[in-house]
Amino acid sequence: MSIEIGSKAPAFALKDDAGATVKLSEFAGRWVVLYFYPRADTPGCTKEACEFTAAIRAFEGMDADVVGVSPDASPALAKFRAKYGLKVRLLGDPGKETLAAYDAWGTKKLYGKEVVGVKRSTVIVDPNGRVAHHWKSVKAAGHAAFVQAKLTELRAGK
């Protein structure tokens, strides 16, 4: 599946770290930063989640919600949130349907080998539910700052 700028963002209904169901439609009228990561409490995923948490006030000031999605189940997400004091919303997709719909699940290169897994990526969804930007592959360190800069541009209509 391919995510196209301007297309309607794929709907989802996923469990958060507390076991509550969260739907994309709940974010209508706000910007949503959906970042996809391989697994809770691993070095790169922790770095990315902590950087988004450190910038959460800036994102809130831009009417944006930051949501991390991984194949983890709610208990693992709850432990991850508690261990690092994370302020971002964490959603689990053990069935990987949402990951696939956002082109964040599939074949990728890992240490020179092709493997199937989560592609670390990010999608910004605009207040109308449309894809405003898509990073198909990201490095965890420093990514939150890139997303913040892009969101500033998008909100300014650039």
N, C-alpha and C. Protein backbone atom coordinates (compact mmCIF):
# COMPACT_ATOMS: atom_id res chain seq x y z
N MET A 1 0.85 -1.19 0.00
CA MET A 1 0.00 0.00 0.00
C MET A 1 0.88 1.23 0.00
N SER A 2 0.39 2.26 -0.62
CA SER A 2 1.15 3.51 -0.70
C SER A 2 0.31 4.64 -0.10
N ILE A 3 0.97 5.49 0.65
CA ILE A 3 0.31 6.65 1.25
C ILE A 3 0.60 7.85 0.35
N GLU A 4 -0.44 8.49 -0.13
CA GLU A 4 -0.29 9.62 -1.04
C GLU A 4 -0.66 10.92 -0.33
N ILE A 5 0.16 11.96 -0.53
CA ILE A 5 -0.13 13.28 0.02
C ILE A 5 -1.48 13.73 -0.54
N GLY A 6 -2.35 14.22 0.32
CA GLY A 6 -3.66 14.71 -0.10
C GLY A 6 -4.76 13.66 -0.04
N SER A 7 -4.37 12.38 0.08
CA SER A 7 -5.38 11.32 0.15
C SER A 7 -5.96 11.24 1.55
N LYS A 8 -7.13 10.63 1.67
CA LYS A 8 -7.75 10.44 2.97
C LYS A 8 -6.89 9.46 3.77
N ALA A 9 -6.59 9.83 5.01
CA ALA A 9 -5.78 8.95 5.86
C ALA A 9 -6.59 7.71 6.22
N PRO A 10 -5.97 6.53 6.18
CA PRO A 10 -6.70 5.31 6.52
C PRO A 10 -7.24 5.36 7.96
N ALA A 11 -8.50 5.01 8.10
CA ALA A 11 -9.14 4.98 9.42
C ALA A 11 -8.54 3.84 10.25
N PHE A 12 -8.58 4.00 11.56
CA PHE A 12 -8.13 2.92 12.44
C PHE A 12 -8.89 2.98 13.76
N ALA A 13 -8.88 1.86 14.44
CA ALA A 13 -9.40 1.74 15.80
C ALA A 13 -8.44 0.80 16.52
N LEU A 14 -7.58 1.37 17.35
CA LEU A 14 -6.53 0.60 18.03
C LEU A 14 -6.60 0.82 19.54
N LYS A 15 -6.09 -0.14 20.28
CA LYS A 15 -6.05 -0.03 21.75
C LYS A 15 -4.84 0.78 22.18
N ASP A 16 -5.06 1.65 23.18
CA ASP A 16 -3.94 2.42 23.73
C ASP A 16 -3.31 1.65 24.90
N ASP A 17 -2.38 2.28 25.58
CA ASP A 17 -1.65 1.61 26.65
C ASP A 17 -2.55 1.25 27.84
N ALA A 18 -3.72 1.89 27.94
CA ALA A 18 -4.66 1.58 29.02
C ALA A 18 -5.73 0.58 28.58
N GLY A 19 -5.68 0.18 27.30
CA GLY A 19 -6.66 -0.77 26.78
C GLY A 19 -7.89 -0.13 26.18
N ALA A 20 -7.94 1.21 26.14
CA ALA A 20 -9.08 1.92 25.54
C ALA A 20 -8.91 1.98 24.02
N THR A 21 -10.03 1.90 23.31
CA THR A 21 -10.00 1.98 21.84
C THR A 21 -9.90 3.44 21.41
N VAL A 22 -8.97 3.71 20.51
CA VAL A 22 -8.75 5.05 19.98
C VAL A 22 -8.96 4.99 18.47
N LYS A 23 -9.76 5.93 17.95
CA LYS A 23 -10.04 5.97 16.51
C LYS A 23 -9.45 7.25 15.91
N LEU A 24 -9.03 7.18 14.67
CA LEU A 24 -8.52 8.37 13.98
C LEU A 24 -9.58 9.47 13.98
N SER A 25 -10.83 9.11 13.83
CA SER A 25 -11.92 10.10 13.78
C SER A 25 -12.00 10.97 15.04
N GLU A 26 -11.48 10.48 16.16
CA GLU A 26 -11.49 11.25 17.41
C GLU A 26 -10.60 12.50 17.33
N PHE A 27 -9.70 12.53 16.36
CA PHE A 27 -8.76 13.64 16.22
C PHE A 27 -9.23 14.67 15.19
N ALA A 28 -10.45 14.53 14.69
CA ALA A 28 -10.97 15.45 13.67
C ALA A 28 -10.82 16.90 14.14
N GLY A 29 -10.35 17.74 13.23
CA GLY A 29 -10.17 19.16 13.53
C GLY A 29 -8.79 19.49 14.11
N ARG A 30 -7.96 18.48 14.29
CA ARG A 30 -6.60 18.67 14.82
C ARG A 30 -5.60 18.00 13.89
N TRP A 31 -4.37 18.43 13.98
CA TRP A 31 -3.27 17.79 13.28
C TRP A 31 -2.90 16.53 14.07
N VAL A 32 -2.50 15.48 13.37
CA VAL A 32 -2.07 14.25 14.02
C VAL A 32 -0.73 13.83 13.45
N VAL A 33 0.22 13.62 14.34
CA VAL A 33 1.52 13.07 13.96
C VAL A 33 1.47 11.60 14.33
N LEU A 34 1.40 10.73 13.32
CA LEU A 34 1.41 9.29 13.54
C LEU A 34 2.82 8.79 13.26
N TYR A 35 3.50 8.35 14.29
CA TYR A 35 4.83 7.80 14.04
C TYR A 35 4.80 6.31 14.34
N PHE A 36 5.39 5.55 13.46
CA PHE A 36 5.37 4.10 13.52
C PHE A 36 6.76 3.61 13.93
N TYR A 37 6.79 2.75 14.94
CA TYR A 37 8.07 2.28 15.48
C TYR A 37 8.00 0.77 15.73
N PRO A 38 9.15 0.09 15.68
CA PRO A 38 9.17 -1.37 15.77
C PRO A 38 8.76 -1.99 17.11
N ARG A 39 9.30 -1.48 18.22
CA ARG A 39 9.00 -2.15 19.49
C ARG A 39 9.29 -1.26 20.69
N ALA A 40 8.39 -1.29 21.65
CA ALA A 40 8.55 -0.51 22.87
C ALA A 40 9.81 -0.92 23.63
N ASP A 41 10.42 0.08 24.24
CA ASP A 41 11.56 -0.12 25.13
C ASP A 41 12.80 -0.70 24.45
N THR A 42 12.99 -0.37 23.19
CA THR A 42 14.24 -0.68 22.49
C THR A 42 14.95 0.66 22.31
N PRO A 43 16.27 0.66 22.11
CA PRO A 43 17.01 1.93 22.12
C PRO A 43 16.49 3.00 21.16
N GLY A 44 16.31 2.68 19.89
CA GLY A 44 15.86 3.68 18.92
C GLY A 44 14.44 4.14 19.20
N CYS A 45 13.58 3.22 19.56
CA CYS A 45 12.18 3.55 19.84
C CYS A 45 12.07 4.41 21.09
N THR A 46 12.90 4.13 22.07
CA THR A 46 12.91 4.92 23.29
C THR A 46 13.39 6.34 23.00
N LYS A 47 14.46 6.46 22.22
CA LYS A 47 15.00 7.78 21.84
C LYS A 47 13.91 8.61 21.15
N GLU A 48 13.24 8.00 20.18
CA GLU A 48 12.21 8.71 19.42
C GLU A 48 11.05 9.14 20.33
N ALA A 49 10.56 8.23 21.16
CA ALA A 49 9.43 8.53 22.05
C ALA A 49 9.81 9.63 23.05
N CYS A 50 11.03 9.57 23.57
CA CYS A 50 11.47 10.59 24.54
C CYS A 50 11.63 11.96 23.87
N GLU A 51 12.10 11.99 22.62
CA GLU A 51 12.23 13.27 21.92
C GLU A 51 10.86 13.87 21.63
N PHE A 52 9.90 13.04 21.22
CA PHE A 52 8.54 13.55 21.00
C PHE A 52 7.95 14.04 22.32
N THR A 53 8.20 13.32 23.41
CA THR A 53 7.70 13.72 24.73
C THR A 53 8.30 15.06 25.14
N ALA A 54 9.59 15.24 24.92
CA ALA A 54 10.26 16.50 25.28
C ALA A 54 9.67 17.69 24.52
N ALA A 55 9.14 17.44 23.32
CA ALA A 55 8.59 18.51 22.49
C ALA A 55 7.07 18.58 22.54
N ILE A 56 6.45 17.83 23.44
CA ILE A 56 4.99 17.71 23.43
C ILE A 56 4.28 19.05 23.57
N ARG A 57 4.79 19.95 24.38
CA ARG A 57 4.13 21.26 24.54
C ARG A 57 4.14 22.05 23.23
N ALA A 58 5.23 21.96 22.50
CA ALA A 58 5.29 22.65 21.20
C ALA A 58 4.26 22.07 20.24
N PHE A 59 4.13 20.75 20.22
CA PHE A 59 3.12 20.12 19.35
C PHE A 59 1.72 20.51 19.79
N GLU A 60 1.47 20.51 21.08
CA GLU A 60 0.15 20.91 21.58
C GLU A 60 -0.16 22.35 21.18
N GLY A 61 0.86 23.21 21.19
CA GLY A 61 0.70 24.60 20.80
C GLY A 61 0.38 24.77 19.32
N MET A 62 0.61 23.72 18.54
CA MET A 62 0.29 23.73 17.12
C MET A 62 -0.99 22.93 16.84
N ASP A 63 -1.80 22.70 17.88
CA ASP A 63 -3.03 21.91 17.74
C ASP A 63 -2.76 20.53 17.15
N ALA A 64 -1.68 19.91 17.62
CA ALA A 64 -1.28 18.60 17.09
C ALA A 64 -1.19 17.57 18.21
N ASP A 65 -1.66 16.38 17.90
CA ASP A 65 -1.53 15.23 18.79
C ASP A 65 -0.45 14.32 18.23
N VAL A 66 0.42 13.82 19.09
CA VAL A 66 1.48 12.90 18.68
C VAL A 66 1.09 11.51 19.14
N VAL A 67 1.06 10.58 18.19
CA VAL A 67 0.61 9.22 18.46
C VAL A 67 1.63 8.23 17.91
N GLY A 68 2.16 7.39 18.78
CA GLY A 68 3.09 6.34 18.37
C GLY A 68 2.34 5.03 18.18
N VAL A 69 2.63 4.32 17.09
CA VAL A 69 1.97 3.05 16.79
C VAL A 69 3.03 1.98 16.59
N SER A 70 2.84 0.85 17.30
CA SER A 70 3.74 -0.29 17.16
C SER A 70 2.91 -1.57 17.22
N PRO A 71 3.52 -2.72 16.93
CA PRO A 71 2.77 -3.98 17.04
C PRO A 71 2.59 -4.46 18.49
N ASP A 72 3.07 -3.71 19.45
CA ASP A 72 3.00 -4.12 20.85
C ASP A 72 1.55 -4.14 21.36
N ALA A 73 1.30 -4.98 22.36
CA ALA A 73 0.01 -5.03 23.03
C ALA A 73 -0.01 -4.00 24.17
N SER A 74 -1.19 -3.67 24.65
CA SER A 74 -1.36 -2.64 25.68
C SER A 74 -0.45 -2.78 26.90
N PRO A 75 -0.27 -3.97 27.48
CA PRO A 75 0.59 -4.07 28.67
C PRO A 75 2.04 -3.61 28.41
N ALA A 76 2.58 -3.97 27.26
CA ALA A 76 3.95 -3.54 26.93
C ALA A 76 4.01 -2.03 26.74
N LEU A 77 2.97 -1.45 26.15
CA LEU A 77 2.91 0.00 25.96
C LEU A 77 2.81 0.71 27.30
N ALA A 78 2.03 0.16 28.22
CA ALA A 78 1.87 0.77 29.54
C ALA A 78 3.20 0.77 30.30
N LYS A 79 3.93 -0.33 30.23
CA LYS A 79 5.24 -0.40 30.89
C LYS A 79 6.20 0.61 30.28
N PHE A 80 6.19 0.73 28.96
CA PHE A 80 7.05 1.66 28.23
C PHE A 80 6.74 3.10 28.66
N ARG A 81 5.46 3.46 28.67
CA ARG A 81 5.03 4.81 29.06
C ARG A 81 5.48 5.12 30.49
N ALA A 82 5.24 4.19 31.40
CA ALA A 82 5.58 4.41 32.81
C ALA A 82 7.09 4.50 33.03
N LYS A 83 7.83 3.63 32.40
CA LYS A 83 9.29 3.59 32.60
C LYS A 83 9.96 4.90 32.22
N TYR A 84 9.49 5.54 31.13
CA TYR A 84 10.14 6.74 30.62
C TYR A 84 9.30 8.01 30.81
N GLY A 85 8.15 7.93 31.45
CA GLY A 85 7.31 9.10 31.65
C GLY A 85 6.84 9.71 30.34
N LEU A 86 6.49 8.87 29.39
CA LEU A 86 6.13 9.34 28.05
C LEU A 86 4.80 10.10 28.06
N LYS A 87 4.75 11.18 27.28
CA LYS A 87 3.56 12.02 27.18
C LYS A 87 2.82 11.84 25.85
N VAL A 88 3.39 11.06 24.95
CA VAL A 88 2.73 10.80 23.66
C VAL A 88 1.72 9.67 23.84
N ARG A 89 0.73 9.65 22.98
CA ARG A 89 -0.27 8.57 23.00
C ARG A 89 0.38 7.36 22.34
N LEU A 90 0.25 6.19 22.93
CA LEU A 90 0.81 4.97 22.38
C LEU A 90 -0.31 4.00 22.03
N LEU A 91 -0.31 3.53 20.79
CA LEU A 91 -1.33 2.59 20.32
C LEU A 91 -0.67 1.30 19.85
N GLY A 92 -1.33 0.19 20.14
CA GLY A 92 -0.83 -1.11 19.71
C GLY A 92 -1.60 -1.65 18.53
N ASP A 93 -0.87 -2.24 17.61
CA ASP A 93 -1.46 -2.85 16.41
C ASP A 93 -0.89 -4.26 16.23
N PRO A 94 -1.22 -5.18 17.16
CA PRO A 94 -0.67 -6.54 17.06
C PRO A 94 -1.03 -7.24 15.76
N GLY A 95 -2.18 -6.92 15.17
CA GLY A 95 -2.59 -7.53 13.90
C GLY A 95 -1.92 -6.91 12.69
N LYS A 96 -1.28 -5.78 12.88
CA LYS A 96 -0.50 -5.06 11.87
C LYS A 96 -1.32 -4.52 10.69
N GLU A 97 -2.65 -4.46 10.83
CA GLU A 97 -3.49 -3.94 9.74
C GLU A 97 -3.27 -2.44 9.52
N THR A 98 -3.23 -1.68 10.61
CA THR A 98 -3.01 -0.23 10.49
C THR A 98 -1.60 0.05 10.01
N LEU A 99 -0.63 -0.68 10.53
CA LEU A 99 0.75 -0.52 10.06
C LEU A 99 0.80 -0.74 8.55
N ALA A 100 0.15 -1.79 8.06
CA ALA A 100 0.14 -2.07 6.62
C ALA A 100 -0.57 -0.97 5.84
N ALA A 101 -1.71 -0.48 6.38
CA ALA A 101 -2.48 0.57 5.69
C ALA A 101 -1.67 1.86 5.53
N TYR A 102 -0.74 2.10 6.46
CA TYR A 102 0.09 3.30 6.40
C TYR A 102 1.47 3.01 5.81
N ASP A 103 1.60 1.88 5.14
CA ASP A 103 2.86 1.48 4.50
C ASP A 103 4.01 1.42 5.51
N ALA A 104 3.69 1.04 6.76
CA ALA A 104 4.71 0.95 7.80
C ALA A 104 5.02 -0.50 8.16
N TRP A 105 4.50 -1.44 7.39
CA TRP A 105 4.77 -2.85 7.62
C TRP A 105 5.11 -3.48 6.27
N GLY A 106 6.19 -4.23 6.24
CA GLY A 106 6.55 -4.90 5.00
C GLY A 106 8.03 -5.22 4.95
N THR A 107 8.51 -5.47 3.75
CA THR A 107 9.90 -5.83 3.54
C THR A 107 10.78 -4.60 3.67
N LYS A 108 11.86 -4.78 4.40
CA LYS A 108 12.83 -3.70 4.58
C LYS A 108 14.21 -4.31 4.69
N LYS A 109 15.22 -3.47 4.57
CA LYS A 109 16.60 -3.92 4.74
C LYS A 109 17.02 -3.70 6.18
N LEU A 110 17.61 -4.70 6.79
CA LEU A 110 18.12 -4.62 8.14
C LEU A 110 19.49 -5.28 8.15
N TYR A 111 20.51 -4.47 8.37
CA TYR A 111 21.89 -4.96 8.37
C TYR A 111 22.21 -5.71 7.08
N GLY A 112 21.72 -5.17 5.96
CA GLY A 112 22.02 -5.73 4.65
C GLY A 112 21.13 -6.89 4.22
N LYS A 113 20.25 -7.33 5.08
CA LYS A 113 19.36 -8.44 4.75
C LYS A 113 17.93 -7.94 4.62
N GLU A 114 17.15 -8.58 3.75
CA GLU A 114 15.74 -8.25 3.63
C GLU A 114 14.97 -8.99 4.71
N VAL A 115 14.18 -8.26 5.47
CA VAL A 115 13.33 -8.83 6.51
C VAL A 115 11.95 -8.19 6.43
N VAL A 116 10.98 -8.84 7.02
CA VAL A 116 9.64 -8.27 7.10
C VAL A 116 9.45 -7.73 8.51
N GLY A 117 9.01 -6.48 8.60
CA GLY A 117 8.82 -5.87 9.90
C GLY A 117 8.30 -4.46 9.77
N VAL A 118 8.36 -3.73 10.90
CA VAL A 118 7.89 -2.34 10.93
C VAL A 118 8.93 -1.45 10.27
N LYS A 119 8.45 -0.61 9.37
CA LYS A 119 9.30 0.42 8.76
C LYS A 119 9.12 1.68 9.60
N ARG A 120 10.20 2.12 10.25
CA ARG A 120 10.11 3.34 11.07
C ARG A 120 9.78 4.49 10.13
N SER A 121 8.60 5.05 10.30
CA SER A 121 8.10 6.08 9.40
C SER A 121 7.13 6.99 10.16
N THR A 122 6.75 8.08 9.51
CA THR A 122 5.83 9.04 10.14
C THR A 122 4.91 9.63 9.08
N VAL A 123 3.65 9.81 9.49
CA VAL A 123 2.65 10.45 8.64
C VAL A 123 2.03 11.60 9.44
N ILE A 124 1.93 12.77 8.80
CA ILE A 124 1.19 13.88 9.40
C ILE A 124 -0.18 13.92 8.72
N VAL A 125 -1.23 13.88 9.55
CA VAL A 125 -2.60 13.95 9.06
C VAL A 125 -3.13 15.34 9.39
N ASP A 126 -3.73 16.00 8.40
CA ASP A 126 -4.23 17.36 8.63
C ASP A 126 -5.58 17.33 9.36
N PRO A 127 -6.08 18.50 9.79
CA PRO A 127 -7.35 18.54 10.55
C PRO A 127 -8.56 18.01 9.78
N ASN A 128 -8.44 17.88 8.46
CA ASN A 128 -9.53 17.34 7.65
C ASN A 128 -9.39 15.85 7.40
N GLY A 129 -8.40 15.21 8.04
CA GLY A 129 -8.22 13.77 7.89
C GLY A 129 -7.47 13.35 6.64
N ARG A 130 -6.74 14.27 6.05
CA ARG A 130 -5.97 13.97 4.83
C ARG A 130 -4.48 13.88 5.15
N VAL A 131 -3.77 13.08 4.39
CA VAL A 131 -2.33 12.94 4.56
C VAL A 131 -1.65 14.22 4.10
N ALA A 132 -0.96 14.89 5.01
CA ALA A 132 -0.29 16.15 4.69
C ALA A 132 1.20 15.93 4.39
N HIS A 133 1.80 14.91 5.01
CA HIS A 133 3.21 14.60 4.76
C HIS A 133 3.49 13.16 5.17
N HIS A 134 4.47 12.55 4.50
CA HIS A 134 4.83 11.16 4.81
C HIS A 134 6.34 10.99 4.69
N TRP A 135 6.94 10.61 5.80
CA TRP A 135 8.35 10.19 5.79
C TRP A 135 8.33 8.68 5.71
N LYS A 136 8.84 8.10 4.63
CA LYS A 136 8.79 6.65 4.44
C LYS A 136 9.82 5.91 5.27
N SER A 137 10.87 6.59 5.64
CA SER A 137 11.92 5.96 6.44
C SER A 137 12.60 7.06 7.25
N VAL A 138 12.71 6.86 8.54
CA VAL A 138 13.31 7.89 9.39
C VAL A 138 14.33 7.29 10.33
N LYS A 139 15.22 8.13 10.80
CA LYS A 139 16.13 7.78 11.88
C LYS A 139 15.51 8.34 13.16
N ALA A 140 15.57 7.58 14.22
CA ALA A 140 14.91 7.97 15.46
C ALA A 140 15.47 9.28 16.03
N ALA A 141 16.78 9.37 16.14
CA ALA A 141 17.41 10.54 16.76
C ALA A 141 17.18 11.79 15.91
N GLY A 142 16.62 12.81 16.53
CA GLY A 142 16.41 14.09 15.84
C GLY A 142 15.13 14.17 15.02
N HIS A 143 14.41 13.07 14.90
CA HIS A 143 13.23 13.08 14.03
C HIS A 143 12.12 14.00 14.53
N ALA A 144 11.91 14.07 15.84
CA ALA A 144 10.85 14.93 16.38
C ALA A 144 11.04 16.38 15.95
N ALA A 145 12.28 16.84 15.91
CA ALA A 145 12.56 18.22 15.48
C ALA A 145 12.21 18.42 14.00
N PHE A 146 12.48 17.42 13.16
CA PHE A 146 12.13 17.51 11.74
C PHE A 146 10.61 17.58 11.59
N VAL A 147 9.90 16.78 12.37
CA VAL A 147 8.44 16.76 12.30
C VAL A 147 7.88 18.11 12.75
N GLN A 148 8.44 18.64 13.81
CA GLN A 148 8.00 19.94 14.32
C GLN A 148 8.19 21.03 13.26
N ALA A 149 9.33 21.04 12.58
CA ALA A 149 9.60 22.02 11.54
C ALA A 149 8.63 21.86 10.36
N LYS A 150 8.37 20.61 9.95
CA LYS A 150 7.47 20.38 8.83
C LYS A 150 6.04 20.78 9.20
N LEU A 151 5.63 20.50 10.41
CA LEU A 151 4.29 20.88 10.86
C LEU A 151 4.14 22.39 10.89
N THR A 152 5.18 23.10 11.29
CA THR A 152 5.15 24.56 11.26
C THR A 152 4.93 25.06 9.85
N GLU A 153 5.65 24.46 8.89
CA GLU A 153 5.48 24.82 7.45
C GLU A 153 4.07 24.53 6.98
N LEU A 154 3.57 23.34 7.28
CA LEU A 154 2.24 22.94 6.81
C LEU A 154 1.16 23.84 7.37
N ARG A 155 1.29 24.19 8.64
CA ARG A 155 0.29 25.06 9.26
C ARG A 155 0.31 26.47 8.65
N ALA A 156 1.48 26.88 8.15
CA ALA A 156 1.61 28.19 7.53
C ALA A 156 1.17 28.16 6.07
N GLY A 157 0.82 26.97 5.58
CA GLY A 157 0.35 26.84 4.20
C GLY A 157 1.43 26.82 3.16
N LYS A 158 2.66 26.48 3.57
CA LYS A 158 3.77 26.46 2.63
C LYS A 158 3.87 25.13 1.93
